[in-house]
Protein backbone atom coordinates (compact mmCIF):
# COMPACT_ATOMS: atom_id res chain seq x y z
CA UNK A 1 -20.24 -8.20 39.78
CA UNK A 2 -20.91 -6.43 36.43
CA UNK A 3 -24.36 -7.08 35.06
CA UNK A 4 -24.43 -8.49 31.73
CA UNK A 5 -25.37 -6.05 29.13
CA UNK A 6 -27.50 -7.32 26.35
CA UNK A 7 -29.67 -6.55 23.57
CA UNK A 8 -32.29 -8.33 21.26
CA UNK A 9 -31.43 -7.70 17.78
CA UNK A 10 -34.10 -8.90 14.73
CA UNK A 11 -32.36 -11.30 12.12
CA UNK A 12 -34.03 -9.67 8.93
CA UNK A 13 -33.54 -6.29 8.95
CA UNK A 14 -30.94 -6.05 12.44
CA UNK A 15 -33.13 -3.64 14.30
CA UNK A 16 -32.28 -3.96 18.49
CA UNK A 17 -34.31 -3.62 21.40
CA UNK A 18 -33.91 -3.54 24.80
CA UNK A 19 -36.18 -6.74 25.30
CA UNK A 20 -37.87 -9.51 23.66
CA UNK A 21 -40.81 -8.68 21.81
CA UNK A 22 -42.98 -10.84 19.22
CA UNK A 23 -43.02 -8.59 16.44
CA UNK A 24 -40.38 -5.97 14.85
CA UNK A 25 -41.98 -2.35 15.07
CA UNK A 26 -39.61 -1.63 12.12
CA UNK A 27 -39.85 -4.30 9.57
CA UNK A 28 -43.07 -6.26 10.60
CA UNK A 29 -41.51 -9.53 11.23
CA UNK A 30 -42.71 -11.95 13.74
CA UNK A 31 -40.55 -14.18 16.32
CA UNK A 32 -37.37 -12.49 15.00
CA UNK A 33 -35.63 -11.16 17.44
CA UNK A 34 -32.77 -12.73 19.17
CA UNK A 35 -30.51 -12.01 22.56
CA UNK A 36 -27.30 -10.58 21.43
CA UNK A 37 -24.07 -10.27 24.30
CA UNK A 38 -22.71 -6.46 24.39
CA UNK A 39 -19.76 -5.66 24.85
CA UNK A 40 -18.66 -4.12 28.58
CA UNK A 41 -16.36 -1.58 28.32
CA UNK A 42 -13.28 -1.56 31.47
CA UNK A 43 -13.03 1.79 33.00
CA UNK A 44 -9.58 0.44 34.51
CA UNK A 45 -8.20 -1.36 31.15
CA UNK A 46 -9.93 0.63 28.64
CA UNK A 47 -11.02 -2.51 26.34
CA UNK A 48 -13.68 -4.13 25.42
CA UNK A 49 -13.78 -7.07 27.37
CA UNK A 50 -14.68 -9.69 24.82
CA UNK A 51 -13.36 -7.82 22.00
CA UNK A 52 -11.45 -10.32 19.55
CA UNK A 53 -8.83 -7.74 18.02
CA UNK A 54 -5.01 -7.67 17.37
CA UNK A 55 -2.83 -8.27 20.37
CA UNK A 56 -2.44 -5.54 22.27
CA UNK A 57 -2.94 -2.85 19.42
CA UNK A 58 0.29 -2.55 17.75
CA UNK A 59 0.29 -0.35 14.51
CA UNK A 60 2.50 -1.38 11.53
CA UNK A 61 3.37 -1.62 8.09
CA UNK A 62 2.83 -4.05 5.56
CA UNK A 63 6.56 -4.06 4.67
CA UNK A 64 7.72 -4.89 8.57
CA UNK A 65 5.39 -8.40 8.29
CA UNK A 66 7.06 -11.37 8.42
CA UNK A 67 6.02 -13.28 5.13
CA UNK A 68 7.09 -16.50 6.43
CA UNK A 69 4.83 -19.14 5.19
CA UNK A 70 2.95 -21.05 8.02
CA UNK A 71 3.80 -24.98 8.29
CA UNK A 72 0.85 -26.37 7.08
CA UNK A 73 -0.11 -29.68 9.49
CA UNK A 74 -0.53 -32.83 6.70
CA UNK A 75 -3.80 -35.02 7.39
CA UNK A 76 -2.32 -37.91 6.03
CA UNK A 77 -5.42 -37.65 3.48
CA UNK A 78 -4.60 -35.97 0.30
CA UNK A 79 -8.22 -35.13 -0.92
CA UNK A 80 -8.43 -33.21 2.13
CA UNK A 81 -5.24 -31.72 1.88
CA UNK A 82 -6.09 -30.83 -1.47
CA UNK A 83 -9.43 -28.91 -0.45
CA UNK A 84 -7.92 -26.96 2.20
CA UNK A 85 -5.23 -25.89 0.24
CA UNK A 86 -2.38 -28.10 1.30
CA UNK A 87 -2.98 -29.11 5.04
CA UNK A 88 -4.36 -27.65 7.93
CA UNK A 89 -2.77 -24.21 9.40
CA UNK A 90 -2.05 -23.20 12.78
CA UNK A 91 -4.68 -21.14 14.18
CA UNK A 92 -7.10 -21.31 11.59
CA UNK A 93 -10.88 -22.63 12.00
CA UNK A 94 -12.56 -24.58 9.14
CA UNK A 95 -16.32 -25.44 9.51
CA UNK A 96 -17.56 -28.81 7.92
CA UNK A 97 -21.35 -28.54 6.85
CA UNK A 98 -23.19 -31.52 5.65
CA UNK A 99 -26.66 -33.44 5.71
CA UNK A 100 -26.73 -36.00 8.20
CA UNK A 101 -25.18 -39.43 7.34
CA UNK A 102 -22.63 -37.63 5.17
CA UNK A 103 -19.90 -38.34 6.99
CA UNK A 104 -18.81 -35.14 8.52
CA UNK A 105 -17.54 -36.96 12.07
CA UNK A 106 -16.13 -40.18 10.27
CA UNK A 107 -13.91 -38.12 8.09
CA UNK A 108 -12.92 -36.35 11.09
CA UNK A 109 -12.75 -38.59 13.59
CA UNK A 110 -10.00 -40.63 10.47
CA UNK A 111 -7.96 -37.52 10.59
CA UNK A 112 -7.25 -36.97 14.34
CA UNK A 113 -6.64 -40.88 15.10
CA UNK A 114 -4.09 -40.04 12.32
CA UNK A 115 -2.72 -36.75 13.42
CA UNK A 116 -2.79 -38.21 17.00
CA UNK A 117 0.34 -40.57 16.53
CA UNK A 118 2.27 -36.91 15.78
CA UNK A 119 0.59 -34.48 17.81
CA UNK A 120 -1.55 -33.47 20.48
CA UNK A 121 -5.21 -34.28 19.24
CA UNK A 122 -8.65 -33.75 21.36
CA UNK A 123 -12.09 -34.68 20.55
CA UNK A 124 -15.25 -32.84 21.38
CA UNK A 125 -18.26 -34.54 21.51
CA UNK A 126 -21.96 -32.76 22.05
CA UNK A 127 -24.01 -35.17 20.32
CA UNK A 128 -22.29 -38.64 21.27
CA UNK A 129 -21.14 -40.60 23.96
CA UNK A 130 -17.05 -41.38 24.43
CA UNK A 131 -18.73 -44.82 24.17
CA UNK A 132 -20.58 -44.26 20.60
CA UNK A 133 -17.61 -42.54 19.30
CA UNK A 134 -15.20 -45.34 20.48
CA UNK A 135 -17.25 -47.94 18.96
CA UNK A 136 -17.18 -46.02 16.11
CA UNK A 137 -13.47 -45.76 15.78
CA UNK A 138 -13.05 -49.56 16.63
CA UNK A 139 -15.55 -51.02 14.07
CA UNK A 140 -13.19 -48.70 11.35
CA UNK A 141 -9.85 -50.05 12.84
CA UNK A 142 -8.25 -46.72 13.94
CA UNK A 143 -5.15 -45.97 16.37
CA UNK A 144 -7.21 -44.83 19.36
CA UNK A 145 -4.05 -44.67 22.43
CA UNK A 146 -3.18 -40.85 21.81
CA UNK A 147 -6.70 -39.25 20.83
CA UNK A 148 -8.14 -37.28 23.32
CA UNK A 149 -11.62 -37.18 24.10
CA UNK A 150 -14.69 -35.36 25.99
CA UNK A 151 -17.90 -35.24 26.35
CA UNK A 152 -18.94 -31.51 26.62
CA UNK A 153 -21.62 -28.77 25.41
CA UNK A 154 -20.87 -25.67 27.85
CA UNK A 155 -17.98 -23.29 25.46
CA UNK A 156 -16.22 -21.90 28.85
CA UNK A 157 -15.36 -26.11 30.08
CA UNK A 158 -14.17 -26.77 26.77
CA UNK A 159 -12.15 -23.68 26.41
CA UNK A 160 -10.76 -24.29 30.10
CA UNK A 161 -10.10 -27.73 29.69
CA UNK A 162 -8.52 -27.38 26.26
CA UNK A 163 -6.22 -24.79 28.14
CA UNK A 164 -5.13 -27.40 30.20
CA UNK A 165 -4.27 -30.14 27.41
CA UNK A 166 -2.86 -27.60 24.84
CA UNK A 167 -4.36 -29.73 21.77
CA UNK A 168 -2.72 -28.87 18.53
CA UNK A 169 -6.08 -29.75 16.67
CA UNK A 170 -9.11 -30.07 18.29
CA UNK A 171 -12.83 -31.00 17.13
CA UNK A 172 -15.91 -29.43 18.00
CA UNK A 173 -18.95 -31.64 17.33
CA UNK A 174 -21.08 -30.09 17.08
CA UNK A 175 -21.60 -26.13 17.07
CA UNK A 176 -24.93 -26.14 16.96
CA UNK A 177 -25.22 -27.61 20.45
CA UNK A 178 -23.04 -25.83 22.21
CA UNK A 179 -23.87 -23.08 24.97
CA UNK A 180 -22.90 -20.51 27.08
CA UNK A 181 -24.24 -20.38 30.62
CA UNK A 182 -25.16 -16.56 30.66
CA UNK A 183 -27.15 -16.83 27.57
CA UNK A 184 -30.68 -17.49 28.05
CA UNK A 185 -31.79 -18.73 24.99
CA UNK A 186 -31.24 -22.48 23.71
CA UNK A 187 -28.24 -24.10 22.34
CA UNK A 188 -28.43 -24.01 18.38
CA UNK A 189 -30.21 -20.55 18.49
CA UNK A 190 -28.45 -17.70 16.64
CA UNK A 191 -27.52 -15.63 19.80
CA UNK A 192 -25.71 -19.07 20.84
CA UNK A 193 -24.06 -20.25 17.85
CA UNK A 194 -23.10 -17.08 17.47
CA UNK A 195 -21.21 -16.63 20.97
CA UNK A 196 -19.97 -19.88 21.18
CA UNK A 197 -18.47 -19.70 18.39
CA UNK A 198 -16.82 -16.48 18.85
CA UNK A 199 -15.36 -17.96 21.92
CA UNK A 200 -13.77 -20.86 20.06
CA UNK A 201 -12.45 -18.74 17.14
CA UNK A 202 -10.92 -16.69 19.88
CA UNK A 203 -9.48 -19.45 21.87
CA UNK A 204 -8.03 -21.17 18.63
CA UNK A 205 -6.25 -17.72 17.31
CA UNK A 206 -4.63 -16.76 20.89
CA UNK A 207 -3.40 -20.75 20.95
CA UNK A 208 -2.05 -21.10 17.78
CA UNK A 209 -4.44 -24.09 17.59
CA UNK A 210 -6.17 -25.53 14.75
CA UNK A 211 -10.34 -25.41 14.67
CA UNK A 212 -12.45 -27.85 13.13
CA UNK A 213 -16.37 -27.57 13.51
CA UNK A 214 -19.12 -29.32 12.49
CA UNK A 215 -22.02 -27.51 10.96
CA UNK A 216 -25.43 -28.78 10.89
CA UNK A 217 -27.35 -27.96 7.50
CA UNK A 218 -31.05 -26.68 6.96
CA UNK A 219 -33.77 -28.68 4.71
CA UNK A 220 -32.45 -26.41 1.50
CA UNK A 221 -28.61 -27.66 1.89
CA UNK A 222 -27.36 -24.57 3.58
CA UNK A 223 -25.46 -24.31 7.14
CA UNK A 224 -27.96 -23.17 9.51
CA UNK A 225 -26.75 -20.46 12.01
CA UNK A 226 -26.34 -17.37 11.24
CA UNK A 227 -24.53 -15.71 8.10
CA UNK A 228 -22.03 -14.27 10.78
CA UNK A 229 -20.80 -17.90 11.94
CA UNK A 230 -19.07 -17.79 8.01
CA UNK A 231 -17.46 -15.15 8.20
CA UNK A 232 -15.58 -15.46 11.42
CA UNK A 233 -13.97 -18.88 10.22
CA UNK A 234 -11.47 -19.30 7.74
CA UNK A 235 -12.54 -22.52 5.78
CA UNK A 236 -15.83 -23.42 5.20
CA UNK A 237 -16.17 -27.00 3.52
CA UNK A 238 -19.08 -28.61 2.44
CA UNK A 239 -19.58 -32.91 2.33
CA UNK A 240 -22.42 -33.78 -0.25
CA UNK A 241 -23.33 -36.91 -1.54
CA UNK A 242 -27.11 -38.60 -1.79
CA UNK A 243 -27.81 -41.42 0.22
CA UNK A 244 -27.84 -44.17 -2.34
CA UNK A 245 -24.72 -43.71 -3.09
CA UNK A 246 -21.83 -44.42 -1.88
CA UNK A 247 -18.99 -41.04 -3.07
CA UNK A 248 -19.03 -38.39 -1.38
CA UNK A 249 -17.83 -34.82 -2.83
CA UNK A 250 -16.02 -32.46 -0.19
CA UNK A 251 -15.97 -28.70 -1.80
CA UNK A 252 -14.68 -25.86 -0.25
CA UNK A 253 -17.23 -22.45 -0.47
CA UNK A 254 -14.96 -20.08 1.32
CA UNK A 255 -10.85 -20.55 1.82
CA UNK A 256 -8.19 -17.65 3.17
CA UNK A 257 -5.46 -20.09 2.75
CA UNK A 258 -6.18 -22.07 -0.82
CA UNK A 259 -8.92 -22.26 -3.52
CA UNK A 260 -12.31 -21.44 -3.38
CA UNK A 261 -14.41 -24.71 -5.05
CA UNK A 262 -12.13 -26.79 -4.45
CA UNK A 263 -13.64 -30.78 -5.16
CA UNK A 264 -12.16 -33.74 -3.34
CA UNK A 265 -14.00 -37.08 -3.63
CA UNK A 266 -14.40 -39.96 -1.34
CA UNK A 267 -15.88 -43.10 -1.13
CA UNK A 268 -17.91 -44.06 1.87
CA UNK A 269 -16.61 -47.91 2.54
CA UNK A 270 -17.12 -50.21 5.53
CA UNK A 271 -13.80 -48.82 6.63
CA UNK A 272 -14.99 -45.39 6.64
CA UNK A 273 -14.00 -42.72 4.07
CA UNK A 274 -11.73 -43.53 1.39
CA UNK A 275 -10.11 -41.02 -1.06
CA UNK A 276 -10.95 -41.58 -4.93
CA UNK A 277 -7.32 -40.59 -6.44
CA UNK A 278 -8.78 -40.31 -10.02
CA UNK A 279 -12.35 -38.99 -9.65
CA UNK A 280 -12.86 -38.59 -13.50
CA UNK A 281 -12.63 -42.52 -13.66
CA UNK A 282 -15.28 -43.29 -10.94
CA UNK A 283 -17.97 -40.55 -13.05
CA UNK A 284 -17.24 -41.74 -16.60
CA UNK A 285 -18.38 -45.51 -16.16
CA UNK A 286 -20.46 -45.17 -19.25
CA UNK A 287 -22.08 -48.49 -21.14
CA UNK A 288 -21.07 -50.72 -23.69
CA UNK A 289 -23.77 -49.16 -25.85
CA UNK A 290 -23.84 -45.41 -26.23
CA UNK A 291 -27.30 -43.97 -25.99
CA UNK A 292 -28.38 -40.77 -27.49
CA UNK A 293 -28.20 -37.95 -25.20
CA UNK A 294 -25.33 -38.29 -23.47
CA UNK A 295 -21.56 -37.04 -23.50
CA UNK A 296 -18.39 -36.22 -21.62
CA UNK A 297 -18.12 -32.81 -20.74
CA UNK A 298 -14.57 -31.26 -18.96
CA UNK A 299 -15.49 -29.01 -16.00
CA UNK A 300 -12.85 -27.32 -13.86
CA UNK A 301 -13.17 -27.51 -10.16
CA UNK A 302 -10.40 -25.75 -8.20
CA UNK A 303 -7.16 -26.87 -9.50
CA UNK A 304 -8.07 -29.26 -11.51
CA UNK A 305 -9.78 -30.78 -14.78
CA UNK A 306 -12.91 -33.14 -13.99
CA UNK A 307 -14.34 -35.43 -16.67
CA UNK A 308 -18.03 -36.41 -16.00
CA UNK A 309 -20.99 -37.61 -18.32
CA UNK A 310 -24.47 -35.14 -19.52
CA UNK A 311 -27.02 -36.94 -19.80
CA UNK A 312 -30.12 -35.49 -21.46
CA UNK A 313 -34.01 -36.68 -22.40
CA UNK A 314 -36.26 -35.01 -24.74
CA UNK A 315 -39.41 -36.23 -25.11
CA UNK A 316 -42.89 -34.73 -25.99
CA UNK A 317 -45.32 -33.01 -23.69
CA UNK A 318 -48.49 -34.11 -22.37
CA UNK A 319 -49.05 -30.94 -20.43
CA UNK A 320 -49.55 -27.54 -20.88
CA UNK A 321 -46.21 -26.67 -19.39
CA UNK A 322 -43.53 -28.52 -20.57
CA UNK A 323 -41.15 -29.64 -17.54
CA UNK A 324 -37.59 -28.18 -17.61
CA UNK A 325 -35.41 -30.88 -14.44
CA UNK A 326 -32.09 -30.43 -14.22
CA UNK A 327 -29.76 -32.01 -11.67
CA UNK A 328 -26.39 -31.24 -11.09
CA UNK A 329 -27.11 -27.78 -13.08
CA UNK A 330 -28.77 -24.06 -12.87
CA UNK A 331 -32.20 -24.40 -13.72
CA UNK A 332 -32.52 -20.97 -14.96
CA UNK A 333 -29.51 -21.52 -17.35
CA UNK A 334 -31.39 -24.46 -18.83
CA UNK A 335 -34.15 -22.52 -19.66
CA UNK A 336 -32.02 -19.45 -21.04
CA UNK A 337 -29.89 -21.86 -23.18
CA UNK A 338 -32.90 -23.40 -24.78
CA UNK A 339 -34.09 -19.97 -26.22
CA UNK A 340 -30.51 -19.65 -27.59
CA UNK A 341 -31.17 -22.70 -28.91
CA UNK A 342 -34.72 -21.89 -30.75
CA UNK A 343 -33.35 -18.12 -31.42
CA UNK A 344 -30.06 -19.18 -33.52
CA UNK A 345 -29.83 -23.04 -33.93
CA UNK A 346 -33.57 -23.04 -35.20
CA UNK A 347 -34.57 -26.17 -33.55
CA UNK A 348 -37.68 -25.56 -31.65
CA UNK A 349 -38.30 -27.76 -27.94
CA UNK A 350 -41.03 -25.55 -26.92
CA UNK A 351 -43.95 -28.36 -27.04
CA UNK A 352 -41.06 -30.99 -25.37
CA UNK A 353 -39.98 -32.11 -21.68
CA UNK A 354 -36.59 -31.35 -21.17
CA UNK A 355 -34.56 -33.35 -18.14
CA UNK A 356 -30.74 -33.11 -17.83
CA UNK A 357 -28.76 -34.72 -15.61
CA UNK A 358 -25.14 -34.79 -14.32
CA UNK A 359 -23.84 -38.30 -13.79
CA UNK A 360 -22.66 -38.86 -10.30
CA UNK A 361 -23.96 -36.53 -8.25
CA UNK A 362 -21.86 -33.81 -9.15
CA UNK A 363 -22.71 -29.65 -9.29
CA UNK A 364 -21.59 -27.85 -12.05
CA UNK A 365 -21.32 -24.60 -11.05
CA UNK A 366 -19.50 -23.32 -13.94
CA UNK A 367 -21.01 -22.14 -17.25
CA UNK A 368 -18.17 -24.69 -19.27
CA UNK A 369 -21.14 -27.29 -19.72
CA UNK A 370 -22.91 -24.65 -22.08
CA UNK A 371 -22.23 -26.39 -25.19
CA UNK A 372 -22.15 -30.02 -24.03
CA UNK A 373 -25.95 -29.23 -22.40
CA UNK A 374 -27.07 -27.66 -26.31
CA UNK A 375 -25.40 -31.07 -28.05
CA UNK A 376 -26.93 -33.20 -25.37
CA UNK A 377 -30.37 -32.11 -26.17
CA UNK A 378 -29.76 -32.01 -30.01
CA UNK A 379 -28.74 -35.72 -29.93
CA UNK A 380 -31.68 -36.88 -27.84
CA UNK A 381 -33.89 -34.54 -29.77
CA UNK A 382 -33.10 -35.95 -32.93
CA UNK A 383 -32.60 -39.45 -31.21
CA UNK A 384 -28.75 -39.11 -32.24
CA UNK A 385 -26.04 -41.47 -30.21
CA UNK A 386 -22.73 -40.06 -30.19
CA UNK A 387 -19.23 -41.19 -30.34
CA UNK A 388 -17.88 -42.24 -26.91
CA UNK A 389 -14.65 -40.70 -27.90
CA UNK A 390 -16.32 -37.30 -27.54
CA UNK A 391 -15.86 -34.47 -25.40
CA UNK A 392 -17.02 -31.08 -25.11
CA UNK A 393 -17.03 -27.63 -23.56
CA UNK A 394 -17.43 -24.29 -23.81
CA UNK A 395 -19.95 -20.92 -22.76
CA UNK A 396 -22.83 -20.33 -24.64
CA UNK A 397 -23.43 -16.31 -24.90
CA UNK A 398 -27.09 -15.10 -25.52
CA UNK A 399 -26.44 -14.09 -29.10
CA UNK A 400 -25.48 -17.57 -29.90
CA UNK A 401 -21.12 -17.11 -30.13
CA UNK A 402 -19.17 -19.41 -28.20
CA UNK A 403 -17.32 -18.09 -25.48
CA UNK A 404 -13.92 -19.16 -24.29
CA UNK A 405 -13.42 -20.57 -20.61
CA UNK A 406 -10.57 -20.74 -18.34
CA UNK A 407 -7.56 -23.82 -18.48
CA UNK A 408 -8.88 -24.69 -22.07
CA UNK A 409 -5.63 -26.28 -22.73
CA UNK A 410 -5.29 -27.93 -19.39
CA UNK A 411 -9.03 -29.71 -19.73
CA UNK A 412 -8.04 -31.20 -23.17
CA UNK A 413 -4.56 -32.91 -21.99
CA UNK A 414 -7.27 -34.43 -19.26
CA UNK A 415 -9.55 -35.29 -22.13
CA UNK A 416 -6.85 -36.69 -24.06
CA UNK A 417 -5.02 -38.41 -21.14
CA UNK A 418 -8.16 -40.90 -20.77
CA UNK A 419 -8.68 -42.00 -24.08
CA UNK A 420 -10.62 -38.97 -26.07
CA UNK A 421 -9.80 -38.98 -29.63
CA UNK A 422 -12.39 -35.91 -30.78
CA UNK A 423 -13.46 -32.18 -28.62
CA UNK A 424 -15.71 -30.09 -30.06
CA UNK A 425 -14.45 -26.70 -27.69
CA UNK A 426 -14.55 -22.99 -28.28
CA UNK A 427 -12.32 -20.98 -31.15
CA UNK A 428 -10.49 -19.30 -28.47
CA UNK A 429 -9.63 -22.74 -26.83
CA UNK A 430 -7.73 -23.66 -29.33
CA UNK A 431 -5.02 -25.40 -28.42
CA UNK A 432 -1.14 -24.12 -30.20
CA UNK A 433 0.48 -27.12 -30.02
CA UNK A 434 -1.33 -30.67 -31.70
CA UNK A 435 -2.51 -33.52 -29.26
CA UNK A 436 -1.32 -36.67 -29.46
CA UNK A 437 -4.41 -38.68 -30.44
CA UNK A 438 -6.89 -35.93 -30.49
CA UNK A 439 -8.75 -34.19 -33.16
CA UNK A 440 -9.70 -31.06 -31.90
CA UNK A 441 -12.48 -29.23 -33.56
CA UNK A 442 -13.11 -25.30 -33.03
CA UNK A 443 -16.55 -23.52 -33.31
CA UNK A 444 -17.62 -19.86 -33.09
CA UNK A 445 -21.10 -19.77 -33.29
CA UNK A 446 -23.79 -22.39 -32.56
CA UNK A 447 -24.46 -23.09 -35.87
CA UNK A 448 -21.23 -24.29 -36.16
CA UNK A 449 -21.54 -26.29 -33.31
CA UNK A 450 -24.22 -28.26 -34.22
CA UNK A 451 -22.82 -28.62 -38.13
CA UNK A 452 -20.07 -29.88 -36.41
CA UNK A 453 -22.04 -32.53 -34.37
CA UNK A 454 -23.65 -33.64 -37.77
CA UNK A 455 -20.39 -34.31 -39.56
CA UNK A 456 -19.39 -36.21 -36.86
CA UNK A 457 -19.42 -39.98 -37.53
């Protein structure tokens, strides 16, 4: 029998060693070496065993490739199909991460139970027993007659069983508990996660099986395991949501078959995860009396606009270093915008505590919230409530200019559809045709935005 070759690679600098040692002599880091198997070249075939390359080494030109679109498999959940880019692609690998209790296993169990009626589906559970999964399915009232389940953590056994069952969709829950027998490290280590994922992805590509992997997250919210894991898969999704909220957001961080940063909204109920058809409605549940520092902005998530409420609170600071706290926004961008407000707007809040919150737990990743944030801070500082039918969006530059944002026309139409009658937007995003029932105020500078805010009745 051929002896398996392996090396120990430092996770920080990439230096390799023939045996394990506590410290990497190249970068000086401690306990960063992990075992990695090396591909072995076969003398008879001349190929690298375990190499997931192009089948048969066929070389062709781009114009000879069949461009017929791959048929997508609908999951039965429109929000999930939207985030995936239209459905599941045969032979693709999807990684779903999230905090414990976010609803990853529940969502995938619902999807597989619905798909099992039309295609062969296999649920591989490594963290729960089949009885626990069956109890959850019964509690949620899901059809379980055709869903196949297997409790296994050895990835070789999983692939062997899947070759016999030949499922069209397979779920592995989770990748951190899978292990390979010829790797000495414990399940969940860098080498185990990398090699197990590589073997499962290779199996999915060769058999044209849709592979759904459940991944753990670290305490800072990022996916656990080596970064190479995210390079292996085709689509990376993150399920987020606070423990005290029933709403969950599913965001695509990487997608080879659709738009990146697409957002799907779900509600956790007694009957499982239920999709929210109109996400803007749940984020606009405002009180009858609108207080100062609160207004609505339009952000662009993937391929659709989303209306969310932004709140700001400016209060006297009793500390030597005033606090800057953000929830759902970038903390560094808040500090930058407050400096722009002081330099070009003439408003000094250096001795004030500033708190900013995006209602509903949404994380805003784009710069279109800049203008809304500044106007909310001014409203709270002056203690002047803004009209409830006002909507704002726009990017603010360091020289005080208001820059245009993409898809301005679609944002305005979405706001008008929800009954907003007044909008403050960049001059470059002025609508080409008047929007029924909405007055659009265009601004080019921060000073113009402040004057427009003062003139608002």
